[in-house]
Protein backbone atom coordinates (compact mmCIF):
# COMPACT_ATOMS: atom_id res chain seq x y z
CA MET A 1 -13.19 9.79 12.30
CA LYS A 2 -13.75 13.54 12.20
CA TYR A 3 -16.87 13.06 14.31
CA ILE A 4 -15.45 10.34 16.51
CA GLU A 5 -12.29 12.10 17.69
CA PRO A 6 -14.10 15.05 19.35
CA PHE A 7 -16.48 12.62 21.06
CA VAL A 8 -13.59 10.50 22.34
CA ARG A 9 -11.79 13.58 23.66
CA SER A 10 -14.86 14.67 25.61
CA LEU A 11 -15.39 11.11 26.86
CA LYS A 12 -11.79 10.94 28.08
CA LYS A 13 -12.19 14.29 29.87
CA ARG A 14 -15.32 13.08 31.59
CA PHE A 15 -14.01 9.59 32.38
CA PRO A 16 -10.20 9.87 32.44
CA ASP A 17 -9.63 6.39 33.91
CA MET A 18 -11.78 4.60 31.35
CA PRO A 19 -9.81 3.04 28.49
CA VAL A 20 -11.15 3.74 25.01
CA GLU A 21 -10.58 1.35 22.14
CA TYR A 22 -11.32 1.98 18.50
CA VAL A 23 -12.99 -0.69 16.39
CA ASP A 24 -13.26 -0.71 12.62
CA GLU A 25 -16.89 -1.69 12.18
CA ARG A 26 -17.16 -1.31 8.40
CA PHE A 27 -17.11 -5.04 7.69
CA THR A 28 -19.56 -5.99 10.44
CA SER A 29 -22.60 -5.14 8.31
CA VAL A 30 -21.43 -7.68 5.75
CA LEU A 31 -20.98 -10.25 8.51
CA ALA A 32 -24.42 -9.39 9.90
CA HIS A 33 -26.06 -9.91 6.50
CA ARG A 34 -24.22 -13.20 6.09
CA THR A 35 -25.39 -14.30 9.54
CA MET A 36 -28.96 -13.38 8.67
CA LEU A 37 -28.78 -15.39 5.44
CA GLU A 38 -27.36 -18.41 7.25
CA ALA A 39 -30.11 -18.12 9.86
CA GLY A 40 -32.71 -18.27 7.09
CA LEU A 41 -34.25 -14.85 7.66
CA LYS A 42 -36.61 -13.61 4.97
CA LYS A 43 -35.53 -10.83 2.62
CA LYS A 44 -37.82 -8.31 4.35
CA ASP A 45 -36.20 -9.09 7.72
CA ARG A 46 -32.71 -8.82 6.22
CA GLN A 47 -33.56 -5.30 5.01
CA ASN A 48 -34.37 -4.18 8.55
CA LYS A 49 -31.56 -1.68 9.29
CA ALA A 50 -32.17 -1.82 13.04
CA LEU A 51 -31.76 -5.60 13.03
CA VAL A 52 -28.58 -5.36 10.94
CA ASP A 53 -27.21 -2.79 13.41
CA GLU A 54 -28.13 -4.97 16.36
CA ILE A 55 -26.38 -8.01 14.89
CA SER A 56 -23.38 -5.86 13.95
CA ALA A 57 -23.12 -4.56 17.51
CA THR A 58 -23.28 -8.11 18.80
CA ILE A 59 -20.46 -9.12 16.46
CA ILE A 60 -18.32 -6.18 17.61
CA LEU A 61 -18.92 -6.98 21.28
CA GLN A 62 -18.25 -10.69 20.81
CA THR A 63 -15.02 -9.96 18.93
CA TYR A 64 -13.90 -7.56 21.68
CA LEU A 65 -14.67 -10.03 24.45
CA GLU A 66 -12.87 -12.87 22.66
CA SER A 67 -9.81 -10.73 22.00
CA ASN A 68 -9.57 -9.67 25.66
CA ARG A 69 -9.87 -13.05 27.33
CA LEU A 70 -7.47 -13.59 30.18
């Protein structure tokens, strides 16, 4: 959080009308690895950090969208 707070402050100064929400993303890597296993990806593919990050980001976005449905 020590790196995130200064970034959020500058973001809020630049875009004062934009709401900012914090998301605890620590568990998403575990969920991403589980998803990769269930999808049958090979071990080499599961070790691809960029792919893990991409799946984690997708999980975060999907969770956000589902929690903010009208």
